[in-house]
């Protein structure tokens, strides 16, 4: 017991005798980022994002504002999707619902609380259309922004 007490007293004595810390200047965050930021063109950033996504076993399809729907419908047909979930009142979802001419693909709107149709969501829905607001090329991350029209599960 005296050894423990003695060790405790020694530790406290060292802490009490240590000089009081002084405030250090804040780091220059902007300078650090300037030194560590890649100087890439948008095409190089897209290629790095694609490589990071594919390294995570994601499928990446090159699309444009004009052809995204036809590419999505082609992928759905190739994969044999029967039901595709879209948000309620989303521009892309509504465009897809209006442009879907496949009799084999049912477009399902997310219009009720998850608890009331959980079994259908998990057992019958093959895929969902979700808008990504942004992406981080460094990590291959997509930034999603769920809301009442497009919830995330």
N, C-alpha and C. Protein backbone atom coordinates (compact mmCIF):
# COMPACT_ATOMS: atom_id res chain seq x y z
N UNK A 1 0.83 -1.19 0.00
CA UNK A 1 0.00 0.00 0.00
C UNK A 1 0.86 1.25 0.00
N UNK A 2 1.94 1.25 0.76
CA UNK A 2 2.79 2.43 0.80
C UNK A 2 3.49 2.65 -0.52
N UNK A 3 3.81 1.57 -1.25
CA UNK A 3 4.45 1.72 -2.55
C UNK A 3 3.49 2.38 -3.53
N UNK A 4 2.20 1.95 -3.50
CA UNK A 4 1.21 2.56 -4.39
C UNK A 4 1.01 4.02 -4.04
N UNK A 5 0.92 4.32 -2.78
CA UNK A 5 0.73 5.69 -2.34
C UNK A 5 1.94 6.52 -2.72
N UNK A 6 3.13 5.96 -2.52
CA UNK A 6 4.35 6.66 -2.85
C UNK A 6 4.41 6.95 -4.36
N UNK A 7 4.06 5.97 -5.18
CA UNK A 7 4.04 6.16 -6.63
C UNK A 7 3.03 7.22 -7.01
N UNK A 8 1.89 7.18 -6.37
CA UNK A 8 0.85 8.19 -6.64
C UNK A 8 1.34 9.57 -6.28
N UNK A 9 1.97 9.70 -5.12
CA UNK A 9 2.49 11.00 -4.69
C UNK A 9 3.56 11.50 -5.65
N UNK A 10 4.39 10.59 -6.15
CA UNK A 10 5.44 10.99 -7.08
C UNK A 10 4.85 11.50 -8.39
N UNK A 11 3.84 10.80 -8.88
CA UNK A 11 3.18 11.23 -10.13
C UNK A 11 2.54 12.60 -9.95
N UNK A 12 1.81 12.76 -8.84
CA UNK A 12 1.16 14.06 -8.59
C UNK A 12 2.18 15.16 -8.41
N UNK A 13 3.29 14.88 -7.75
CA UNK A 13 4.33 15.89 -7.56
C UNK A 13 4.92 16.31 -8.90
N UNK A 14 5.14 15.35 -9.81
CA UNK A 14 5.67 15.70 -11.13
C UNK A 14 4.67 16.54 -11.92
N UNK A 15 3.41 16.18 -11.82
CA UNK A 15 2.39 16.96 -12.53
C UNK A 15 2.30 18.38 -11.98
N UNK A 16 2.39 18.51 -10.66
CA UNK A 16 2.30 19.85 -10.05
C UNK A 16 3.52 20.70 -10.36
N UNK A 17 4.67 20.08 -10.52
CA UNK A 17 5.89 20.85 -10.75
C UNK A 17 6.12 21.16 -12.23
N UNK A 18 5.35 20.55 -13.12
CA UNK A 18 5.51 20.80 -14.55
C UNK A 18 5.15 22.24 -14.86
N UNK A 19 5.86 22.85 -15.78
CA UNK A 19 5.54 24.24 -16.14
C UNK A 19 4.13 24.33 -16.72
N UNK A 20 3.48 25.44 -16.45
CA UNK A 20 2.15 25.66 -16.99
C UNK A 20 2.25 25.81 -18.50
N UNK A 21 1.30 25.22 -19.17
CA UNK A 21 1.35 25.28 -20.63
C UNK A 21 1.00 26.68 -21.11
N UNK A 22 1.60 27.02 -22.22
CA UNK A 22 1.28 28.30 -22.84
C UNK A 22 0.47 28.01 -24.09
N UNK A 23 -0.30 28.95 -24.49
CA UNK A 23 -1.13 28.78 -25.68
C UNK A 23 -0.25 28.77 -26.91
N UNK A 24 -0.41 27.73 -27.70
CA UNK A 24 0.34 27.62 -28.94
C UNK A 24 -0.42 28.33 -30.05
N UNK A 25 0.29 28.86 -31.02
CA UNK A 25 -0.42 29.51 -32.13
C UNK A 25 -1.22 28.47 -32.91
N UNK A 26 -2.33 28.91 -33.46
CA UNK A 26 -3.17 28.02 -34.26
C UNK A 26 -2.42 27.61 -35.52
N UNK A 27 -2.58 26.39 -35.95
CA UNK A 27 -1.88 25.95 -37.17
C UNK A 27 -2.42 26.67 -38.39
N UNK A 28 -1.59 26.81 -39.39
CA UNK A 28 -1.99 27.45 -40.65
C UNK A 28 -2.64 26.38 -41.54
N UNK A 29 -3.92 26.19 -41.35
CA UNK A 29 -4.65 25.13 -42.04
C UNK A 29 -4.67 25.38 -43.55
N UNK A 30 -4.86 26.61 -43.95
CA UNK A 30 -4.91 26.92 -45.39
C UNK A 30 -3.59 26.56 -46.06
N UNK A 31 -2.48 26.85 -45.42
CA UNK A 31 -1.17 26.52 -46.00
C UNK A 31 -0.99 25.01 -46.09
N UNK A 32 -1.44 24.29 -45.08
CA UNK A 32 -1.32 22.83 -45.11
C UNK A 32 -2.09 22.25 -46.28
N UNK A 33 -3.34 22.72 -46.45
CA UNK A 33 -4.15 22.22 -47.55
C UNK A 33 -3.57 22.61 -48.90
N UNK A 34 -2.98 23.78 -48.99
CA UNK A 34 -2.38 24.20 -50.25
C UNK A 34 -1.23 23.27 -50.63
N UNK A 35 -0.45 22.85 -49.65
CA UNK A 35 0.66 21.94 -49.92
C UNK A 35 0.19 20.53 -50.23
N UNK A 36 -0.96 20.13 -49.70
CA UNK A 36 -1.41 18.75 -49.83
C UNK A 36 -2.56 18.56 -50.83
N UNK A 37 -2.96 19.60 -51.51
CA UNK A 37 -4.05 19.49 -52.48
C UNK A 37 -3.49 19.09 -53.83
N UNK A 38 -4.14 18.12 -54.43
CA UNK A 38 -3.71 17.69 -55.76
C UNK A 38 -4.10 18.73 -56.79
N UNK A 39 -3.25 18.94 -57.72
CA UNK A 39 -3.53 19.86 -58.82
C UNK A 39 -4.00 19.01 -60.00
N UNK A 40 -5.31 18.74 -60.03
CA UNK A 40 -5.87 17.86 -61.04
C UNK A 40 -6.93 18.58 -61.85
N UNK A 41 -7.07 18.15 -63.08
CA UNK A 41 -8.16 18.63 -63.90
C UNK A 41 -9.44 17.91 -63.47
N UNK A 42 -10.60 18.43 -63.81
CA UNK A 42 -11.83 17.71 -63.49
C UNK A 42 -11.84 16.28 -64.06
N UNK A 43 -11.30 16.09 -65.25
CA UNK A 43 -11.25 14.74 -65.83
C UNK A 43 -10.39 13.80 -64.99
N UNK A 44 -9.27 14.31 -64.46
CA UNK A 44 -8.42 13.49 -63.60
C UNK A 44 -9.13 13.16 -62.28
N UNK A 45 -9.88 14.11 -61.76
CA UNK A 45 -10.63 13.87 -60.52
C UNK A 45 -11.69 12.79 -60.75
N UNK A 46 -12.38 12.86 -61.88
CA UNK A 46 -13.40 11.86 -62.21
C UNK A 46 -12.76 10.49 -62.34
N UNK A 47 -11.61 10.43 -62.99
CA UNK A 47 -10.92 9.14 -63.16
C UNK A 47 -10.50 8.58 -61.80
N UNK A 48 -10.03 9.44 -60.90
CA UNK A 48 -9.63 8.96 -59.58
C UNK A 48 -10.85 8.49 -58.78
N UNK A 49 -11.97 9.22 -58.88
CA UNK A 49 -13.21 8.80 -58.23
C UNK A 49 -13.65 7.44 -58.77
N UNK A 50 -13.62 7.31 -60.08
CA UNK A 50 -14.03 6.04 -60.70
C UNK A 50 -13.16 4.89 -60.22
N UNK A 51 -11.85 5.10 -60.17
CA UNK A 51 -10.93 4.06 -59.72
C UNK A 51 -11.21 3.67 -58.27
N UNK A 52 -11.48 4.67 -57.42
CA UNK A 52 -11.76 4.37 -56.01
C UNK A 52 -13.08 3.63 -55.86
N UNK A 53 -14.10 4.01 -56.62
CA UNK A 53 -15.38 3.32 -56.57
C UNK A 53 -15.25 1.88 -57.06
N UNK A 54 -14.55 1.70 -58.16
CA UNK A 54 -14.37 0.35 -58.70
C UNK A 54 -13.52 -0.52 -57.78
N UNK A 55 -12.58 0.09 -57.07
CA UNK A 55 -11.79 -0.66 -56.09
C UNK A 55 -12.67 -1.18 -54.96
N UNK A 56 -13.80 -0.50 -54.73
CA UNK A 56 -14.77 -0.93 -53.72
C UNK A 56 -15.84 -1.83 -54.34
N UNK A 57 -15.60 -2.30 -55.54
CA UNK A 57 -16.49 -3.22 -56.26
C UNK A 57 -17.80 -2.57 -56.70
N UNK A 58 -17.78 -1.25 -56.91
CA UNK A 58 -18.96 -0.57 -57.45
C UNK A 58 -18.92 -0.63 -58.97
N UNK A 59 -20.09 -0.68 -59.58
CA UNK A 59 -20.18 -0.57 -61.04
C UNK A 59 -20.31 0.91 -61.36
N UNK A 60 -19.54 1.36 -62.31
CA UNK A 60 -19.58 2.77 -62.71
C UNK A 60 -19.94 2.82 -64.18
N UNK A 61 -20.96 3.59 -64.51
CA UNK A 61 -21.40 3.75 -65.89
C UNK A 61 -21.27 5.22 -66.26
N UNK A 62 -20.63 5.51 -67.37
CA UNK A 62 -20.51 6.88 -67.84
C UNK A 62 -21.84 7.30 -68.46
N UNK A 63 -22.42 8.34 -67.92
CA UNK A 63 -23.70 8.84 -68.43
C UNK A 63 -23.64 10.36 -68.56
N UNK A 64 -24.62 10.88 -69.25
CA UNK A 64 -24.77 12.33 -69.39
C UNK A 64 -26.20 12.68 -68.99
N UNK A 65 -26.49 13.97 -68.99
CA UNK A 65 -27.85 14.40 -68.67
C UNK A 65 -28.84 13.87 -69.71
N UNK A 66 -28.36 13.62 -70.91
CA UNK A 66 -29.24 13.16 -71.98
C UNK A 66 -29.46 11.64 -71.96
N UNK A 67 -28.46 10.85 -71.52
CA UNK A 67 -28.60 9.40 -71.69
C UNK A 67 -28.67 8.61 -70.38
N UNK A 68 -28.69 9.24 -69.23
CA UNK A 68 -28.65 8.49 -67.96
C UNK A 68 -29.82 7.52 -67.85
N UNK A 69 -30.99 7.96 -68.33
CA UNK A 69 -32.17 7.11 -68.18
C UNK A 69 -32.07 5.87 -69.07
N UNK A 70 -31.63 6.03 -70.30
CA UNK A 70 -31.52 4.85 -71.17
C UNK A 70 -30.45 3.90 -70.65
N UNK A 71 -29.37 4.42 -70.10
CA UNK A 71 -28.34 3.56 -69.52
C UNK A 71 -28.89 2.81 -68.31
N UNK A 72 -29.61 3.52 -67.44
CA UNK A 72 -30.19 2.88 -66.27
C UNK A 72 -31.19 1.79 -66.67
N UNK A 73 -32.04 2.07 -67.64
CA UNK A 73 -33.02 1.07 -68.08
C UNK A 73 -32.33 -0.12 -68.74
N UNK A 74 -31.23 0.12 -69.46
CA UNK A 74 -30.48 -0.99 -70.06
C UNK A 74 -29.86 -1.86 -68.97
N UNK A 75 -29.27 -1.23 -67.96
CA UNK A 75 -28.67 -1.98 -66.85
C UNK A 75 -29.76 -2.77 -66.12
N UNK A 76 -30.91 -2.16 -65.90
CA UNK A 76 -32.02 -2.85 -65.24
C UNK A 76 -32.43 -4.09 -66.02
N UNK A 77 -32.51 -3.95 -67.33
CA UNK A 77 -32.89 -5.10 -68.17
C UNK A 77 -31.81 -6.19 -68.12
N UNK A 78 -30.55 -5.78 -68.21
CA UNK A 78 -29.45 -6.76 -68.18
C UNK A 78 -29.42 -7.53 -66.85
N UNK A 79 -29.75 -6.86 -65.77
CA UNK A 79 -29.70 -7.49 -64.45
C UNK A 79 -31.01 -8.17 -64.06
N UNK A 80 -32.03 -7.98 -64.89
CA UNK A 80 -33.31 -8.62 -64.61
C UNK A 80 -34.07 -7.99 -63.46
N UNK A 81 -33.87 -6.70 -63.23
CA UNK A 81 -34.62 -6.03 -62.16
C UNK A 81 -36.10 -6.03 -62.52
N UNK A 82 -36.93 -6.30 -61.52
CA UNK A 82 -38.37 -6.30 -61.72
C UNK A 82 -39.00 -5.03 -61.11
N UNK A 83 -38.42 -4.55 -60.01
CA UNK A 83 -38.98 -3.38 -59.33
C UNK A 83 -37.85 -2.42 -58.96
N UNK A 84 -38.03 -1.17 -59.30
CA UNK A 84 -37.04 -0.14 -59.00
C UNK A 84 -37.74 0.94 -58.17
N UNK A 85 -37.17 1.25 -57.03
CA UNK A 85 -37.74 2.22 -56.10
C UNK A 85 -37.24 3.63 -56.43
N UNK A 86 -38.18 4.58 -56.47
CA UNK A 86 -37.81 5.99 -56.64
C UNK A 86 -38.41 6.77 -55.47
N UNK A 87 -37.84 7.92 -55.20
CA UNK A 87 -38.39 8.80 -54.17
C UNK A 87 -39.72 9.39 -54.65
N UNK A 88 -40.44 9.97 -53.73
CA UNK A 88 -41.69 10.62 -54.11
C UNK A 88 -41.40 12.08 -54.45
N UNK A 89 -41.93 12.53 -55.55
CA UNK A 89 -41.76 13.92 -56.00
C UNK A 89 -40.30 14.32 -56.21
N UNK A 90 -39.50 13.45 -56.81
CA UNK A 90 -38.14 13.84 -57.18
C UNK A 90 -38.09 13.99 -58.69
N UNK A 91 -37.35 14.95 -59.17
CA UNK A 91 -37.30 15.23 -60.60
C UNK A 91 -36.81 14.01 -61.38
N UNK A 92 -35.70 13.42 -60.93
CA UNK A 92 -35.15 12.27 -61.66
C UNK A 92 -36.08 11.06 -61.57
N UNK A 93 -36.67 10.85 -60.41
CA UNK A 93 -37.60 9.73 -60.26
C UNK A 93 -38.80 9.87 -61.16
N UNK A 94 -39.37 11.05 -61.20
CA UNK A 94 -40.54 11.28 -62.05
C UNK A 94 -40.18 11.15 -63.52
N UNK A 95 -39.00 11.62 -63.90
CA UNK A 95 -38.56 11.48 -65.29
C UNK A 95 -38.40 10.00 -65.64
N UNK A 96 -37.85 9.23 -64.72
CA UNK A 96 -37.69 7.80 -64.96
C UNK A 96 -39.04 7.10 -65.06
N UNK A 97 -39.97 7.45 -64.18
CA UNK A 97 -41.30 6.85 -64.22
C UNK A 97 -41.99 7.16 -65.56
N UNK A 98 -41.83 8.39 -66.03
CA UNK A 98 -42.46 8.78 -67.29
C UNK A 98 -41.76 8.15 -68.50
N UNK A 99 -40.45 7.94 -68.39
CA UNK A 99 -39.69 7.43 -69.53
C UNK A 99 -39.54 5.92 -69.57
N UNK A 100 -40.02 5.22 -68.56
CA UNK A 100 -39.89 3.76 -68.53
C UNK A 100 -40.92 3.14 -69.46
N UNK A 101 -40.42 2.51 -70.51
CA UNK A 101 -41.34 1.84 -71.43
C UNK A 101 -41.20 0.32 -71.36
N UNK A 102 -40.50 -0.14 -70.34
CA UNK A 102 -40.30 -1.58 -70.20
C UNK A 102 -41.47 -2.21 -69.45
N UNK A 103 -42.09 -3.22 -70.04
CA UNK A 103 -43.18 -3.91 -69.33
C UNK A 103 -42.64 -4.79 -68.19
N UNK A 104 -41.32 -5.04 -68.20
CA UNK A 104 -40.72 -5.92 -67.20
C UNK A 104 -40.26 -5.19 -65.95
N UNK A 105 -40.24 -3.85 -65.99
CA UNK A 105 -39.73 -3.08 -64.85
C UNK A 105 -40.83 -2.20 -64.29
N UNK A 106 -41.18 -2.47 -63.04
CA UNK A 106 -42.18 -1.65 -62.35
C UNK A 106 -41.46 -0.57 -61.55
N UNK A 107 -41.88 0.67 -61.73
CA UNK A 107 -41.33 1.78 -60.96
C UNK A 107 -42.21 1.94 -59.72
N UNK A 108 -41.60 1.87 -58.55
CA UNK A 108 -42.32 1.94 -57.28
C UNK A 108 -41.91 3.23 -56.57
N UNK A 109 -42.89 4.00 -56.15
CA UNK A 109 -42.60 5.24 -55.41
C UNK A 109 -42.54 4.97 -53.91
N UNK A 110 -41.62 5.65 -53.25
CA UNK A 110 -41.50 5.56 -51.80
C UNK A 110 -42.52 6.54 -51.21
N UNK A 111 -43.73 6.06 -50.95
CA UNK A 111 -44.81 6.97 -50.54
C UNK A 111 -45.44 6.61 -49.20
N UNK A 112 -44.87 5.67 -48.47
CA UNK A 112 -45.45 5.31 -47.19
C UNK A 112 -44.33 5.02 -46.19
N UNK A 113 -44.65 5.06 -44.92
CA UNK A 113 -43.62 4.77 -43.91
C UNK A 113 -43.02 3.38 -44.10
N UNK A 114 -41.75 3.27 -43.87
CA UNK A 114 -41.03 2.02 -44.08
C UNK A 114 -41.64 0.86 -43.32
N UNK A 115 -42.06 1.07 -42.09
CA UNK A 115 -42.59 -0.02 -41.28
C UNK A 115 -43.81 -0.69 -41.90
N UNK A 116 -44.60 0.06 -42.67
CA UNK A 116 -45.82 -0.51 -43.23
C UNK A 116 -45.57 -1.39 -44.47
N UNK A 117 -44.38 -1.35 -45.06
CA UNK A 117 -44.10 -2.19 -46.22
C UNK A 117 -42.65 -2.68 -46.24
N UNK A 118 -42.13 -2.88 -45.05
CA UNK A 118 -40.75 -3.32 -44.88
C UNK A 118 -40.47 -4.63 -45.62
N UNK A 119 -41.38 -5.60 -45.53
CA UNK A 119 -41.17 -6.88 -46.20
C UNK A 119 -41.04 -6.70 -47.71
N UNK A 120 -41.88 -5.88 -48.29
CA UNK A 120 -41.80 -5.65 -49.74
C UNK A 120 -40.49 -4.95 -50.10
N UNK A 121 -40.12 -3.97 -49.30
CA UNK A 121 -38.88 -3.25 -49.57
C UNK A 121 -37.68 -4.19 -49.60
N UNK A 122 -37.61 -5.08 -48.62
CA UNK A 122 -36.44 -5.94 -48.50
C UNK A 122 -36.52 -7.20 -49.36
N UNK A 123 -37.72 -7.65 -49.68
CA UNK A 123 -37.85 -8.90 -50.42
C UNK A 123 -38.10 -8.71 -51.92
N UNK A 124 -38.76 -7.63 -52.31
CA UNK A 124 -39.21 -7.49 -53.69
C UNK A 124 -38.51 -6.38 -54.48
N UNK A 125 -38.06 -5.34 -53.83
CA UNK A 125 -37.43 -4.22 -54.54
C UNK A 125 -36.01 -4.61 -54.91
N UNK A 126 -35.68 -4.54 -56.19
CA UNK A 126 -34.37 -4.96 -56.68
C UNK A 126 -33.32 -3.86 -56.58
N UNK A 127 -33.73 -2.60 -56.73
CA UNK A 127 -32.79 -1.49 -56.74
C UNK A 127 -33.54 -0.21 -56.44
N UNK A 128 -32.80 0.85 -56.19
CA UNK A 128 -33.41 2.15 -55.94
C UNK A 128 -32.58 3.24 -56.61
N UNK A 129 -33.25 4.28 -57.03
CA UNK A 129 -32.60 5.44 -57.61
C UNK A 129 -32.45 6.47 -56.50
N UNK A 130 -31.21 6.86 -56.22
CA UNK A 130 -30.92 7.85 -55.19
C UNK A 130 -29.97 8.88 -55.76
N UNK A 131 -30.28 10.13 -55.55
CA UNK A 131 -29.44 11.21 -56.03
C UNK A 131 -28.24 11.38 -55.10
N UNK A 132 -27.05 11.44 -55.68
CA UNK A 132 -25.85 11.78 -54.90
C UNK A 132 -25.60 13.27 -55.12
N UNK A 133 -25.44 13.99 -54.03
CA UNK A 133 -25.24 15.44 -54.14
C UNK A 133 -23.82 15.80 -54.56
N UNK A 134 -22.88 14.94 -54.21
CA UNK A 134 -21.49 15.23 -54.51
C UNK A 134 -20.70 13.94 -54.35
N UNK A 135 -19.41 14.02 -54.59
CA UNK A 135 -18.54 12.86 -54.44
C UNK A 135 -17.17 13.31 -53.98
N UNK A 136 -16.46 12.41 -53.32
CA UNK A 136 -15.10 12.68 -52.86
C UNK A 136 -14.18 11.72 -53.60
N UNK A 137 -13.40 12.24 -54.53
CA UNK A 137 -12.55 11.40 -55.37
C UNK A 137 -11.49 10.68 -54.54
N UNK A 138 -10.98 11.31 -53.52
CA UNK A 138 -9.90 10.73 -52.71
C UNK A 138 -10.29 9.38 -52.12
N UNK A 139 -11.55 9.27 -51.69
CA UNK A 139 -11.98 8.05 -51.01
C UNK A 139 -13.01 7.25 -51.80
N UNK A 140 -13.48 7.79 -52.90
CA UNK A 140 -14.53 7.09 -53.65
C UNK A 140 -15.85 7.14 -52.91
N UNK A 141 -16.10 8.22 -52.20
CA UNK A 141 -17.32 8.36 -51.41
C UNK A 141 -18.36 9.18 -52.16
N UNK A 142 -19.61 8.78 -52.01
CA UNK A 142 -20.72 9.56 -52.55
C UNK A 142 -21.43 10.23 -51.39
N UNK A 143 -21.83 11.47 -51.60
CA UNK A 143 -22.52 12.22 -50.55
C UNK A 143 -24.01 12.21 -50.87
N UNK A 144 -24.76 11.54 -50.02
CA UNK A 144 -26.21 11.45 -50.18
C UNK A 144 -26.86 12.40 -49.19
N UNK A 145 -28.03 12.91 -49.55
CA UNK A 145 -28.71 13.87 -48.69
C UNK A 145 -30.17 13.44 -48.56
N UNK A 146 -30.44 12.50 -47.67
CA UNK A 146 -31.81 12.00 -47.55
C UNK A 146 -32.78 13.07 -47.05
N UNK A 147 -34.00 12.97 -47.50
CA UNK A 147 -35.06 13.84 -47.00
C UNK A 147 -36.37 13.07 -47.06
N UNK A 148 -37.47 13.74 -46.83
CA UNK A 148 -38.77 13.04 -46.79
C UNK A 148 -39.15 12.49 -48.18
N UNK A 149 -38.64 13.10 -49.24
CA UNK A 149 -38.97 12.64 -50.59
C UNK A 149 -38.08 11.47 -51.02
N UNK A 150 -36.88 11.42 -50.50
CA UNK A 150 -35.94 10.38 -50.89
C UNK A 150 -35.20 9.87 -49.64
N UNK A 151 -35.89 9.09 -48.82
CA UNK A 151 -35.25 8.59 -47.59
C UNK A 151 -34.21 7.52 -47.89
N UNK A 152 -33.30 7.35 -46.99
CA UNK A 152 -32.27 6.31 -47.13
C UNK A 152 -32.53 5.25 -46.07
N UNK A 153 -32.36 4.01 -46.42
CA UNK A 153 -32.50 2.92 -45.45
C UNK A 153 -31.13 2.36 -45.19
